PDB file of all heavy atoms in Angstrom:
ATOM      1  N   ALA A   1     -88.490 237.827 149.029  1.00  0.00           N
ATOM      2  CA  ALA A   1     -87.708 237.618 147.784  1.00  0.00           C
ATOM      3  C   ALA A   1     -86.573 236.656 148.060  1.00  0.00           C
ATOM      4  O   ALA A   1     -86.167 235.869 147.186  1.00  0.00           O
ATOM      5  CB  ALA A   1     -87.179 238.923 147.215  1.00  0.00           C
ATOM      6  N   LEU A   2     -85.941 236.697 149.193  1.00  0.00           N
ATOM      7  CA  LEU A   2     -84.841 235.955 149.618  1.00  0.00           C
ATOM      8  C   LEU A   2     -85.232 234.565 150.195  1.00  0.00           C
ATOM      9  O   LEU A   2     -84.723 233.501 149.896  1.00  0.00           O
ATOM     10  CB  LEU A   2     -83.909 236.616 150.570  1.00  0.00           C
ATOM     11  CG  LEU A   2     -82.692 235.897 151.099  1.00  0.00           C
ATOM     12  CD1 LEU A   2     -81.743 235.545 149.988  1.00  0.00           C
ATOM     13  CD2 LEU A   2     -81.943 236.723 152.221  1.00  0.00           C
ATOM     14  N   LEU A   3     -86.263 234.537 151.089  1.00  0.00           N
ATOM     15  CA  LEU A   3     -86.592 233.305 151.823  1.00  0.00           C
ATOM     16  C   LEU A   3     -87.882 232.722 151.442  1.00  0.00           C
ATOM     17  O   LEU A   3     -88.251 231.617 151.885  1.00  0.00           O
ATOM     18  CB  LEU A   3     -86.664 233.763 153.345  1.00  0.00           C
ATOM     19  CG  LEU A   3     -85.391 234.346 153.985  1.00  0.00           C
ATOM     20  CD1 LEU A   3     -85.753 234.885 155.378  1.00  0.00           C
ATOM     21  CD2 LEU A   3     -84.268 233.412 153.939  1.00  0.00           C
ATOM     22  N   GLY A   4     -88.631 233.321 150.554  1.00  0.00           N
ATOM     23  CA  GLY A   4     -89.940 232.769 150.123  1.00  0.00           C
ATOM     24  C   GLY A   4     -91.093 233.296 151.009  1.00  0.00           C
ATOM     25  O   GLY A   4     -90.844 233.901 152.025  1.00  0.00           O
ATOM     26  N   ARG A   5     -92.255 232.984 150.609  1.00  0.00           N
ATOM     27  CA  ARG A   5     -93.427 233.569 151.277  1.00  0.00           C
ATOM     28  C   ARG A   5     -93.598 232.903 152.653  1.00  0.00           C
ATOM     29  O   ARG A   5     -93.195 231.716 152.820  1.00  0.00           O
ATOM     30  CB  ARG A   5     -94.695 233.344 150.419  1.00  0.00           C
ATOM     31  CG  ARG A   5     -95.237 231.899 150.368  1.00  0.00           C
ATOM     32  CD  ARG A   5     -96.604 231.907 149.686  1.00  0.00           C
ATOM     33  NE  ARG A   5     -97.145 230.583 149.749  1.00  0.00           N
ATOM     34  CZ  ARG A   5     -98.437 230.296 149.427  1.00  0.00           C
ATOM     35  NH1 ARG A   5     -99.178 231.245 149.124  1.00  0.00           N
ATOM     36  NH2 ARG A   5     -98.860 229.091 149.543  1.00  0.00           N
ATOM     37  N   ARG A   6     -94.267 233.617 153.547  1.00  0.00           N
ATOM     38  CA  ARG A   6     -94.484 233.168 154.897  1.00  0.00           C
ATOM     39  C   ARG A   6     -95.896 232.592 155.018  1.00  0.00           C
ATOM     40  O   ARG A   6     -96.810 233.068 154.298  1.00  0.00           O
ATOM     41  CB  ARG A   6     -94.278 234.244 155.970  1.00  0.00           C
ATOM     42  CG  ARG A   6     -92.812 234.694 155.988  1.00  0.00           C
ATOM     43  CD  ARG A   6     -92.658 235.914 156.945  1.00  0.00           C
ATOM     44  NE  ARG A   6     -93.597 236.918 156.675  1.00  0.00           N
ATOM     45  CZ  ARG A   6     -94.507 237.371 157.580  1.00  0.00           C
ATOM     46  NH1 ARG A   6     -94.580 236.822 158.743  1.00  0.00           N
ATOM     47  NH2 ARG A   6     -95.362 238.331 157.164  1.00  0.00           N
ATOM     48  N   VAL A   7     -96.093 231.626 155.824  1.00  0.00           N
ATOM     49  CA  VAL A   7     -97.431 230.944 155.933  1.00  0.00           C
ATOM     50  C   VAL A   7     -97.625 230.688 157.472  1.00  0.00           C
ATOM     51  O   VAL A   7     -96.716 230.594 158.271  1.00  0.00           O
ATOM     52  CB  VAL A   7     -97.448 229.631 155.212  1.00  0.00           C
ATOM     53  CG1 VAL A   7     -97.494 229.887 153.708  1.00  0.00           C
ATOM     54  CG2 VAL A   7     -96.310 228.723 155.615  1.00  0.00           C
ATOM     55  N   PRO A   8     -98.900 230.571 157.869  1.00  0.00           N
ATOM     56  CA  PRO A   8     -99.218 230.176 159.230  1.00  0.00           C
ATOM     57  C   PRO A   8     -99.022 228.673 159.447  1.00  0.00           C
ATOM     58  O   PRO A   8     -99.364 227.917 158.499  1.00  0.00           O
ATOM     59  CB  PRO A   8    -100.714 230.529 159.346  1.00  0.00           C
ATOM     60  CG  PRO A   8    -101.308 230.464 158.003  1.00  0.00           C
ATOM     61  CD  PRO A   8    -100.198 230.913 157.064  1.00  0.00           C
ATOM     62  N   THR A   9     -98.430 228.332 160.575  1.00  0.00           N
ATOM     63  CA  THR A   9     -98.093 226.916 160.687  1.00  0.00           C
ATOM     64  C   THR A   9     -98.409 226.418 162.148  1.00  0.00           C
ATOM     65  O   THR A   9     -98.482 227.210 163.091  1.00  0.00           O
ATOM     66  CB  THR A   9     -96.595 226.681 160.508  1.00  0.00           C
ATOM     67  OG1 THR A   9     -95.832 227.477 161.459  1.00  0.00           O
ATOM     68  CG2 THR A   9     -96.118 227.095 159.151  1.00  0.00           C
ATOM     69  N   VAL A  10     -98.697 225.134 162.291  1.00  0.00           N
ATOM     70  CA  VAL A  10     -98.747 224.475 163.551  1.00  0.00           C
ATOM     71  C   VAL A  10     -97.661 223.461 163.633  1.00  0.00           C
ATOM     72  O   VAL A  10     -97.447 222.677 162.718  1.00  0.00           O
ATOM     73  CB  VAL A  10    -100.132 223.742 163.704  1.00  0.00           C
ATOM     74  CG1 VAL A  10    -100.152 222.897 164.979  1.00  0.00           C
ATOM     75  CG2 VAL A  10    -101.299 224.858 163.777  1.00  0.00           C
ATOM     76  N   SER A  11     -96.985 223.426 164.707  1.00  0.00           N
ATOM     77  CA  SER A  11     -95.858 222.489 165.012  1.00  0.00           C
ATOM     78  C   SER A  11     -96.031 221.747 166.338  1.00  0.00           C
ATOM     79  O   SER A  11     -96.547 222.365 167.299  1.00  0.00           O
ATOM     80  CB  SER A  11     -94.444 223.152 164.970  1.00  0.00           C
ATOM     81  OG  SER A  11     -94.249 223.730 163.670  1.00  0.00           O
ATOM     82  N   VAL A  12     -95.690 220.448 166.379  1.00  0.00           N
ATOM     83  CA  VAL A  12     -95.616 219.745 167.594  1.00  0.00           C
ATOM     84  C   VAL A  12     -94.296 219.051 167.665  1.00  0.00           C
ATOM     85  O   VAL A  12     -93.836 218.394 166.788  1.00  0.00           O
ATOM     86  CB  VAL A  12     -96.729 218.673 167.625  1.00  0.00           C
ATOM     87  CG1 VAL A  12     -96.710 217.884 168.906  1.00  0.00           C
ATOM     88  CG2 VAL A  12     -98.141 219.341 167.438  1.00  0.00           C
ATOM     89  N   THR A  13     -93.646 219.262 168.824  1.00  0.00           N
ATOM     90  CA  THR A  13     -92.312 218.614 169.025  1.00  0.00           C
ATOM     91  C   THR A  13     -92.439 217.659 170.268  1.00  0.00           C
ATOM     92  O   THR A  13     -92.882 218.103 171.369  1.00  0.00           O
ATOM     93  CB  THR A  13     -91.199 219.585 169.303  1.00  0.00           C
ATOM     94  OG1 THR A  13     -91.140 220.529 168.158  1.00  0.00           O
ATOM     95  CG2 THR A  13     -89.845 218.975 169.513  1.00  0.00           C
ATOM     96  N   ALA A  14     -92.165 216.415 170.081  1.00  0.00           N
ATOM     97  CA  ALA A  14     -92.286 215.426 171.137  1.00  0.00           C
ATOM     98  C   ALA A  14     -91.750 214.084 170.638  1.00  0.00           C
ATOM     99  O   ALA A  14     -91.225 213.964 169.546  1.00  0.00           O
ATOM    100  CB  ALA A  14     -93.849 215.280 171.459  1.00  0.00           C
ATOM    101  N   ASP A  15     -91.863 213.110 171.524  1.00  0.00           N
ATOM    102  CA  ASP A  15     -91.601 211.734 171.138  1.00  0.00           C
ATOM    103  C   ASP A  15     -92.449 211.364 169.910  1.00  0.00           C
ATOM    104  O   ASP A  15     -93.630 211.828 169.755  1.00  0.00           O
ATOM    105  CB  ASP A  15     -91.990 210.777 172.261  1.00  0.00           C
ATOM    106  CG  ASP A  15     -91.809 209.365 171.911  1.00  0.00           C
ATOM    107  OD1 ASP A  15     -90.728 208.785 171.969  1.00  0.00           O
ATOM    108  OD2 ASP A  15     -92.836 208.778 171.470  1.00  0.00           O
ATOM    109  N   SER A  16     -91.818 210.692 168.907  1.00  0.00           N
ATOM    110  CA  SER A  16     -92.515 210.494 167.667  1.00  0.00           C
ATOM    111  C   SER A  16     -93.996 210.143 167.735  1.00  0.00           C
ATOM    112  O   SER A  16     -94.855 210.667 167.067  1.00  0.00           O
ATOM    113  CB  SER A  16     -91.817 209.449 166.871  1.00  0.00           C
ATOM    114  OG  SER A  16     -92.288 209.274 165.563  1.00  0.00           O
ATOM    115  N   THR A  17     -94.259 209.112 168.627  1.00  0.00           N
ATOM    116  CA  THR A  17     -95.747 208.651 168.699  1.00  0.00           C
ATOM    117  C   THR A  17     -96.598 209.670 169.333  1.00  0.00           C
ATOM    118  O   THR A  17     -97.698 209.882 168.922  1.00  0.00           O
ATOM    119  CB  THR A  17     -95.786 207.392 169.558  1.00  0.00           C
ATOM    120  OG1 THR A  17     -94.628 206.626 169.470  1.00  0.00           O
ATOM    121  CG2 THR A  17     -96.942 206.529 169.174  1.00  0.00           C
ATOM    122  N   ILE A  18     -96.077 210.362 170.369  1.00  0.00           N
ATOM    123  CA  ILE A  18     -96.851 211.386 171.007  1.00  0.00           C
ATOM    124  C   ILE A  18     -97.116 212.558 170.115  1.00  0.00           C
ATOM    125  O   ILE A  18     -98.256 213.122 170.069  1.00  0.00           O
ATOM    126  CB  ILE A  18     -96.128 211.882 172.326  1.00  0.00           C
ATOM    127  CG1 ILE A  18     -95.957 210.648 173.309  1.00  0.00           C
ATOM    128  CG2 ILE A  18     -96.930 212.955 172.986  1.00  0.00           C
ATOM    129  CD1 ILE A  18     -97.280 210.013 173.725  1.00  0.00           C
ATOM    130  N   ALA A  19     -96.063 212.939 169.288  1.00  0.00           N
ATOM    131  CA  ALA A  19     -96.179 214.073 168.456  1.00  0.00           C
ATOM    132  C   ALA A  19     -97.359 213.886 167.451  1.00  0.00           C
ATOM    133  O   ALA A  19     -98.141 214.762 167.094  1.00  0.00           O
ATOM    134  CB  ALA A  19     -94.891 214.307 167.697  1.00  0.00           C
ATOM    135  N   GLU A  20     -97.414 212.624 166.895  1.00  0.00           N
ATOM    136  CA  GLU A  20     -98.478 212.286 165.907  1.00  0.00           C
ATOM    137  C   GLU A  20     -99.852 212.412 166.589  1.00  0.00           C
ATOM    138  O   GLU A  20    -100.814 212.931 166.042  1.00  0.00           O
ATOM    139  CB  GLU A  20     -98.237 210.955 165.277  1.00  0.00           C
ATOM    140  CG  GLU A  20     -99.366 210.611 164.288  1.00  0.00           C
ATOM    141  CD  GLU A  20     -99.045 209.307 163.522  1.00  0.00           C
ATOM    142  OE1 GLU A  20     -97.840 208.871 163.501  1.00  0.00           O
ATOM    143  OE2 GLU A  20    -100.002 208.874 162.832  1.00  0.00           O
ATOM    144  N   LYS A  21     -99.961 211.860 167.801  1.00  0.00           N
ATOM    145  CA  LYS A  21    -101.185 211.865 168.507  1.00  0.00           C
ATOM    146  C   LYS A  21    -101.681 213.247 168.748  1.00  0.00           C
ATOM    147  O   LYS A  21    -102.834 213.604 168.520  1.00  0.00           O
ATOM    148  CB  LYS A  21    -101.038 211.184 169.813  1.00  0.00           C
ATOM    149  CG  LYS A  21    -102.281 211.046 170.728  1.00  0.00           C
ATOM    150  CD  LYS A  21    -102.021 210.210 171.967  1.00  0.00           C
ATOM    151  CE  LYS A  21    -103.286 210.199 172.807  1.00  0.00           C
ATOM    152  NZ  LYS A  21    -103.023 209.308 174.037  1.00  0.00           N
ATOM    153  N   VAL A  22    -100.776 214.164 169.189  1.00  0.00           N
ATOM    154  CA  VAL A  22    -101.113 215.567 169.521  1.00  0.00           C
ATOM    155  C   VAL A  22    -101.545 216.281 168.160  1.00  0.00           C
ATOM    156  O   VAL A  22    -102.470 217.073 168.188  1.00  0.00           O
ATOM    157  CB  VAL A  22     -99.987 216.245 170.210  1.00  0.00           C
ATOM    158  CG1 VAL A  22    -100.275 217.779 170.411  1.00  0.00           C
ATOM    159  CG2 VAL A  22     -99.692 215.553 171.589  1.00  0.00           C
ATOM    160  N   MET A  23    -100.751 216.063 167.138  1.00  0.00           N
ATOM    161  CA  MET A  23    -101.021 216.748 165.901  1.00  0.00           C
ATOM    162  C   MET A  23    -102.337 216.399 165.292  1.00  0.00           C
ATOM    163  O   MET A  23    -103.132 217.241 164.776  1.00  0.00           O
ATOM    164  CB  MET A  23     -99.949 216.452 164.886  1.00  0.00           C
ATOM    165  CG  MET A  23    -100.050 217.221 163.522  1.00  0.00           C
ATOM    166  SD  MET A  23    -100.015 218.986 163.633  1.00  0.00           S
ATOM    167  CE  MET A  23     -98.252 219.276 163.412  1.00  0.00           C
ATOM    168  N   ARG A  24    -102.674 215.120 165.391  1.00  0.00           N
ATOM    169  CA  ARG A  24    -103.949 214.623 164.833  1.00  0.00           C
ATOM    170  C   ARG A  24    -105.179 215.281 165.573  1.00  0.00           C
ATOM    171  O   ARG A  24    -106.189 215.435 164.958  1.00  0.00           O
ATOM    172  CB  ARG A  24    -104.024 213.097 164.856  1.00  0.00           C
ATOM    173  CG  ARG A  24    -103.149 212.411 163.845  1.00  0.00           C
ATOM    174  CD  ARG A  24    -103.372 210.903 163.768  1.00  0.00           C
ATOM    175  NE  ARG A  24    -102.529 210.314 162.776  1.00  0.00           N
ATOM    176  CZ  ARG A  24    -102.788 210.202 161.502  1.00  0.00           C
ATOM    177  NH1 ARG A  24    -103.887 210.830 160.965  1.00  0.00           N
ATOM    178  NH2 ARG A  24    -101.963 209.576 160.617  1.00  0.00           N
ATOM    179  N   GLU A  25    -104.934 215.610 166.855  1.00  0.00           N
ATOM    180  CA  GLU A  25    -106.077 216.173 167.604  1.00  0.00           C
ATOM    181  C   GLU A  25    -106.105 217.752 167.467  1.00  0.00           C
ATOM    182  O   GLU A  25    -107.155 218.338 167.498  1.00  0.00           O
ATOM    183  CB  GLU A  25    -105.866 215.820 169.020  1.00  0.00           C
ATOM    184  CG  GLU A  25    -106.132 214.386 169.464  1.00  0.00           C
ATOM    185  CD  GLU A  25    -107.560 213.861 169.318  1.00  0.00           C
ATOM    186  OE1 GLU A  25    -108.424 214.798 169.079  1.00  0.00           O
ATOM    187  OE2 GLU A  25    -107.826 212.817 169.463  1.00  0.00           O
ATOM    188  N   THR A  26    -104.880 218.310 167.223  1.00  0.00           N
ATOM    189  CA  THR A  26    -104.797 219.796 167.137  1.00  0.00           C
ATOM    190  C   THR A  26    -105.279 220.336 165.795  1.00  0.00           C
ATOM    191  O   THR A  26    -106.052 221.327 165.776  1.00  0.00           O
ATOM    192  CB  THR A  26    -103.312 220.200 167.327  1.00  0.00           C
ATOM    193  OG1 THR A  26    -102.840 219.800 168.584  1.00  0.00           O
ATOM    194  CG2 THR A  26    -103.200 221.705 167.245  1.00  0.00           C
ATOM    195  N   LEU A  27    -104.909 219.744 164.668  1.00  0.00           N
ATOM    196  CA  LEU A  27    -105.225 220.282 163.395  1.00  0.00           C
ATOM    197  C   LEU A  27    -106.709 220.521 163.134  1.00  0.00           C
ATOM    198  O   LEU A  27    -107.129 221.556 162.566  1.00  0.00           O
ATOM    199  CB  LEU A  27    -104.643 219.461 162.229  1.00  0.00           C
ATOM    200  CG  LEU A  27    -103.070 219.627 162.094  1.00  0.00           C
ATOM    201  CD1 LEU A  27    -102.564 218.765 160.902  1.00  0.00           C
ATOM    202  CD2 LEU A  27    -102.699 221.052 161.870  1.00  0.00           C
TER     203      LEU A  27
END
């Protein structure tokens, strides 16, 4: 009620180019 509904997520933290590369392979 206070914070909104929760959802499953995938996150990648890295140098911008590397983060995109890893995310595109992970999802």
